[in-house]
Structures are given as C-alpha cells and as structure tokens.
Amino acid sequence: MRRSLSVWVAAAVAVVGLVAATGPATADEPTFDTGASDASSIAIFSGLPGYKNVFWWDHSDLTVAVRAASNVDPDKLQAIHDAIAVWSSTLASEIPEISLTDVTSALPSYAPDILVRYVPHAGGINWSGVANCGVQKCLNVIIRSDIPEGENRSGETDADFNALRVERITMHELGHTLGLGHASPIDTTRDLMGYGWIFANPDLTPILSDCDLTGIRTAFSWVFAHEEPHPSPASRVLC
C-alpha cells in the first residue's frame, strides 16, 4: 500500500542507457538551456511497441531517492540531488499536475517509485547512465561516478567526469523515468533527451526543452484527460 507522500515528506523534513560521454565540461557552464528543442521529435516509451507495461505511471505524485556508498565524491552525489531538484522545480512550475519529490532521507523506511543508484565505474566504457523501469517502478536508475582508468576509448579521463557531467546525465536518465524516450536525430540534437550535447560538440549545453515537457504531458495523458491510468496512446511527439 502506498502511504501518503505528505506523511513521508514531513517525516523526512527500461533498459535505456546514455553512452559514455566525451570531452570536458567546466564548472562555470550552465547546467542546461530552456526553450525550443532543436530535435525533430521525441519518443514516448509507453506508446512504443514492446514498452506498453513499462515507463508509465498510474499515479502522478512520484517519489525518488538516491542510494550511494559512503565513500563516493560528495560533489557528484550532490549533483544527482541537484538534477532531481531541477526536474522537481520544472514540473512544479510547468506541469504542476505531476510532481517529483526527493525522499532520500526517508530511506530505508519508505519505498520510492524511482531509485537512483550512484555506482563507481558502472557501465565501463559503454554507458554513463541507465534507466530500467518495470511495472510502476524504476528501481534501477544507475549513474556512473567515474571512469575506469585506461578503459575509455574516447580519450575521456576521470578528471573530465565532473559534477556538471553527472548532473546532466542524471537529468537525462530521470527524463526516461518520466516517460520520455530519445530525441531524434539522437546523435546531433542538443535536446536533453538526445546525445548531441555529448558527441556532436561536447561544449554544447543540453536543452531541457518545451518539447520534453510536451512529451511528459503526453506520457501522462490520462491525467489531463481525467481518465483511468493507461500507457500513452502516442509513440512520439513532434518538436
């Protein structure tokens, strides 16, 4: 049984991966831009064949918590919480019908909808983050904390994998947990849900776009239609 979210907040006062990133990011860069997307479209997972039972929610008051070892970099761990705060504030201002609340301090008593695991060297050279969402839960959202020395074929070093990189990757993966698939064309778009801000030009800032927000509204279409919860009827939104 889901206990009241307000009770826990008061008490606490799929596999979709992001491939290994390339190039440095500096601390004075903005975390993201806002506004129009440069993508042509963004996929909505639950509307795609094969995803009907995952990557959608039957409630809109979502909770998220972070689990990490005690010896991880505290700045990078904070970056994960910062990414959650970005989505939380964005939803509150733009789509108040949907909420995302960080309940990390309520662990282990409270079972969150989304569990972000901060794991050293996860993914190796293959990915920096991954979101595995089952039926009404996303308990294996994994964010890599650093790069295995000597294993990254792109030439990226552990020094490049800074807190800003971790925050952006976490924002991308949380976008998946909110129902968003990838933006197209994936390798060139700056949209947060694409890879252009990683590969096309690593100096680019990702865009948390109007199209991303439209995609989330589409993923939660049952909320706005005042219907019983169901997967998205649309597989993609045009940007």
Protein backbone atom coordinates (compact mmCIF):
# COMPACT_ATOMS: atom_id res chain seq x y z
CA MET A 1 0.00 0.00 0.00
CA ARG A 2 1.28 3.48 -0.86
CA ARG A 3 1.45 5.62 2.24
CA SER A 4 0.63 9.29 1.89
CA LEU A 5 3.55 11.11 0.29
CA SER A 6 2.99 14.09 2.58
CA VAL A 7 3.49 11.85 5.61
CA TRP A 8 6.88 10.69 4.38
CA VAL A 9 7.98 14.17 3.31
CA ALA A 10 7.05 15.55 6.70
CA ALA A 11 8.90 12.73 8.45
CA ALA A 12 11.98 13.14 6.28
CA VAL A 13 11.66 17.18 6.57
CA ALA A 14 13.96 0.46 -19.06
CA VAL A 15 16.94 -0.57 -20.18
CA VAL A 16 17.77 2.84 -21.69
CA GLY A 17 21.41 3.85 -21.47
CA LEU A 18 23.35 7.06 -22.01
CA VAL A 19 26.55 6.05 -23.78
CA ALA A 20 29.94 7.14 -22.49
CA ALA A 21 30.36 10.90 -22.73
CA THR A 22 33.28 12.68 -24.36
CA GLY A 23 35.06 15.96 -23.72
CA PRO A 24 35.40 18.15 -20.63
CA ALA A 25 32.72 20.30 -19.06
CA THR A 26 33.68 23.28 -16.94
CA ALA A 27 32.11 24.30 -13.67
CA ASP A 28 31.00 27.73 -14.93
CA GLU A 29 28.84 26.28 -17.72
CA PRO A 30 25.07 26.42 -17.21
CA THR A 31 23.61 23.02 -16.44
CA PHE A 32 21.05 23.34 -19.22
CA ASP A 33 19.25 25.76 -21.53
CA THR A 34 15.48 26.07 -21.86
CA GLY A 35 13.12 26.86 -24.71
CA ALA A 36 12.54 25.31 -28.10
CA SER A 37 14.12 21.99 -28.93
CA ASP A 38 16.33 21.52 -31.97
CA ALA A 39 15.08 17.92 -32.24
CA SER A 40 12.53 16.82 -34.81
CA SER A 41 10.70 14.58 -32.34
CA ILE A 42 10.92 12.80 -29.00
CA ALA A 43 9.79 9.23 -28.40
CA ILE A 44 7.25 8.36 -25.69
CA PHE A 45 8.26 4.97 -24.37
CA SER A 46 4.92 3.57 -23.28
CA GLY A 47 3.48 4.30 -26.72
CA LEU A 48 6.18 2.29 -28.47
CA PRO A 49 5.70 -1.41 -29.29
CA GLY A 50 7.23 -3.51 -26.55
CA TYR A 51 7.01 -0.83 -23.85
CA LYS A 52 3.29 -0.93 -23.00
CA ASN A 53 3.84 -2.25 -19.48
CA VAL A 54 6.85 -0.11 -18.53
CA PHE A 55 7.91 3.54 -18.43
CA TRP A 56 4.48 4.84 -17.44
CA TRP A 57 2.85 5.59 -14.12
CA ASP A 58 -0.59 5.00 -12.61
CA HIS A 59 -0.07 7.95 -10.24
CA SER A 60 1.42 11.38 -10.75
CA ASP A 61 2.91 12.13 -7.31
CA LEU A 62 6.24 10.42 -7.92
CA THR A 63 8.99 9.94 -5.37
CA VAL A 64 12.70 9.43 -5.96
CA ALA A 65 15.61 8.53 -3.69
CA VAL A 66 19.36 8.21 -4.15
CA ARG A 67 21.43 5.32 -2.85
CA ALA A 68 25.22 5.56 -2.84
CA ALA A 69 28.22 4.20 -0.98
CA SER A 70 29.62 6.31 1.83
CA ASN A 71 32.94 6.94 0.06
CA VAL A 72 31.68 8.50 -3.20
CA ASP A 73 32.58 12.04 -4.24
CA PRO A 74 30.20 14.29 -2.26
CA ASP A 75 30.11 16.91 -5.02
CA LYS A 76 28.97 14.35 -7.57
CA LEU A 77 26.44 12.93 -5.14
CA GLN A 78 25.07 16.42 -4.62
CA ALA A 79 24.91 16.82 -8.40
CA ILE A 80 22.46 13.90 -8.53
CA HIS A 81 20.25 15.59 -5.95
CA ASP A 82 20.58 18.84 -7.91
CA ALA A 83 19.30 17.08 -11.03
CA ILE A 84 16.29 15.82 -9.09
CA ALA A 85 15.68 19.37 -7.83
CA VAL A 86 15.76 20.68 -11.41
CA TRP A 87 13.05 18.27 -12.51
CA SER A 88 11.06 18.85 -9.34
CA SER A 89 11.02 22.62 -9.76
CA THR A 90 10.42 22.39 -13.52
CA LEU A 91 7.39 20.16 -13.02
CA ALA A 92 6.09 22.38 -10.21
CA SER A 93 6.22 25.46 -12.42
CA GLU A 94 5.30 23.97 -15.80
CA ILE A 95 3.28 20.79 -15.15
CA PRO A 96 2.01 21.03 -11.55
CA GLU A 97 -0.27 18.04 -12.09
CA ILE A 98 2.88 15.89 -11.89
CA SER A 99 5.36 16.03 -9.02
CA LEU A 100 8.75 14.52 -8.25
CA THR A 101 9.84 14.55 -4.60
CA ASP A 102 13.27 13.59 -3.28
CA VAL A 103 12.68 11.24 -0.33
CA THR A 104 16.25 10.03 0.14
CA SER A 105 16.22 10.96 3.82
CA ALA A 106 13.23 8.63 4.33
CA LEU A 107 15.20 5.54 3.29
CA PRO A 108 15.01 2.69 4.18
CA SER A 109 11.55 3.11 5.69
CA TYR A 110 9.97 4.44 2.51
CA ALA A 111 9.99 2.60 -0.83
CA PRO A 112 10.33 5.24 -3.57
CA ASP A 113 8.93 4.97 -7.07
CA ILE A 114 12.37 5.74 -8.52
CA LEU A 115 15.68 4.69 -7.00
CA VAL A 116 18.83 6.29 -8.40
CA ARG A 117 21.93 4.23 -7.66
CA TYR A 118 25.27 6.05 -7.76
CA VAL A 119 27.76 3.32 -8.71
CA PRO A 120 31.53 3.71 -9.25
CA HIS A 121 32.66 2.50 -12.69
CA ALA A 122 29.19 1.24 -13.67
CA GLY A 123 28.90 0.80 -17.41
CA GLY A 124 32.63 0.82 -18.01
CA ILE A 125 33.27 2.36 -21.42
CA ASN A 126 29.78 1.57 -22.70
CA TRP A 127 27.46 3.94 -20.86
CA SER A 128 27.36 6.67 -18.25
CA GLY A 129 23.80 6.17 -17.06
CA VAL A 130 20.94 3.75 -17.50
CA ALA A 131 17.25 3.63 -16.53
CA ASN A 132 15.49 0.30 -16.02
CA CYS A 133 11.78 0.83 -15.44
CA GLY A 134 9.43 -2.03 -14.66
CA VAL A 135 5.71 -2.03 -13.99
CA GLN A 136 5.06 1.13 -11.93
CA LYS A 137 8.59 1.33 -10.60
CA CYS A 138 12.06 2.45 -11.68
CA LEU A 139 14.33 0.97 -9.04
CA ASN A 140 17.47 0.61 -11.13
CA VAL A 141 18.42 4.01 -12.42
CA ILE A 142 22.22 3.80 -12.38
CA ILE A 143 24.59 6.75 -12.67
CA ARG A 144 28.31 6.18 -13.12
CA SER A 145 30.53 8.11 -10.72
CA ASP A 146 33.80 7.96 -12.61
CA ILE A 147 35.68 6.26 -15.44
CA PRO A 148 37.69 3.05 -15.15
CA GLU A 149 41.30 4.11 -15.66
CA GLY A 150 42.69 3.19 -19.05
CA GLU A 151 39.42 1.75 -20.36
CA ASN A 152 37.72 4.69 -22.05
CA ARG A 153 38.24 4.51 -25.80
CA SER A 154 37.06 8.10 -26.38
CA GLY A 155 40.05 9.59 -24.58
CA GLU A 156 37.97 10.96 -21.72
CA THR A 157 39.69 10.95 -18.34
CA ASP A 158 38.27 10.69 -14.88
CA ALA A 159 39.00 14.39 -14.40
CA ASP A 160 36.55 15.20 -17.22
CA PHE A 161 33.77 13.32 -15.46
CA ASN A 162 32.90 16.17 -13.11
CA ALA A 163 29.82 17.11 -11.11
CA LEU A 164 28.29 19.02 -14.03
CA ARG A 165 28.57 15.91 -16.23
CA VAL A 166 26.95 13.79 -13.52
CA GLU A 167 24.08 16.26 -13.10
CA ARG A 168 23.35 16.35 -16.83
CA ILE A 169 23.46 12.58 -17.14
CA THR A 170 21.11 12.23 -14.17
CA MET A 171 18.69 14.71 -15.73
CA HIS A 172 18.69 12.65 -18.94
CA GLU A 173 18.00 9.41 -17.09
CA LEU A 174 15.27 10.99 -14.98
CA GLY A 175 13.69 12.12 -18.24
CA HIS A 176 13.40 8.45 -19.13
CA THR A 177 11.76 7.64 -15.79
CA LEU A 178 9.18 10.34 -16.55
CA GLY A 179 8.28 8.50 -19.75
CA LEU A 180 10.49 10.18 -22.34
CA GLY A 181 12.39 8.19 -24.93
CA HIS A 182 15.21 9.62 -27.01
CA ALA A 183 15.10 12.73 -29.16
CA SER A 184 15.70 12.48 -32.90
CA PRO A 185 18.11 12.80 -34.58
CA ILE A 186 19.73 11.34 -31.49
CA ASP A 187 23.40 11.94 -32.33
CA THR A 188 23.11 15.63 -33.24
CA THR A 189 20.28 17.20 -31.25
CA ARG A 190 21.11 19.32 -28.21
CA ASP A 191 17.86 18.26 -26.58
CA LEU A 192 18.39 16.79 -23.12
CA MET A 193 16.96 13.50 -24.38
CA GLY A 194 19.45 13.26 -27.26
CA TYR A 195 23.21 12.73 -27.48
CA GLY A 196 24.25 15.80 -29.48
CA TRP A 197 25.48 17.62 -26.39
CA ILE A 198 27.80 14.68 -25.83
CA PHE A 199 29.06 13.72 -29.27
CA ALA A 200 28.38 16.43 -31.84
CA ASN A 201 30.03 19.13 -29.75
CA PRO A 202 30.79 18.40 -26.10
CA ASP A 203 30.96 22.15 -25.40
CA LEU A 204 27.23 22.50 -26.12
CA THR A 205 24.75 22.86 -23.29
CA PRO A 206 21.76 20.47 -23.34
CA ILE A 207 18.27 21.92 -23.71
CA LEU A 208 15.57 20.97 -21.22
CA SER A 209 13.07 21.85 -23.88
CA ASP A 210 9.44 22.73 -24.39
CA CYS A 211 9.25 19.53 -26.42
CA ASP A 212 10.43 17.50 -23.41
CA LEU A 213 7.59 18.99 -21.38
CA THR A 214 5.09 18.23 -24.14
CA GLY A 215 6.40 14.67 -24.13
CA ILE A 216 5.84 14.32 -20.40
CA ARG A 217 2.29 15.63 -20.75
CA THR A 218 1.79 13.03 -23.48
CA ALA A 219 3.23 10.26 -21.33
CA PHE A 220 0.76 11.26 -18.59
CA SER A 221 -2.11 11.93 -20.99
CA TRP A 222 -4.56 10.12 -18.71
CA VAL A 223 -4.03 12.80 -16.04
CA PHE A 224 -5.09 15.61 -18.35
CA ALA A 225 -7.94 13.64 -19.91
CA HIS A 226 -9.27 12.72 -16.43
CA GLU A 227 -9.16 9.05 -17.36
CA GLU A 228 -8.10 5.89 -15.59
CA PRO A 229 -4.31 5.44 -15.80
CA HIS A 230 -3.03 3.92 -19.05
CA PRO A 231 0.07 3.92 -21.27
CA SER A 232 0.49 6.75 -23.72
CA PRO A 233 -1.60 6.43 -26.90
CA ALA A 234 1.15 8.25 -28.79
CA SER A 235 4.60 6.89 -29.53
CA ARG A 236 6.20 10.21 -30.37
CA VAL A 237 5.71 13.97 -30.13
CA LEU A 238 6.83 16.31 -32.88
CA CYS A 239 9.05 19.21 -31.94
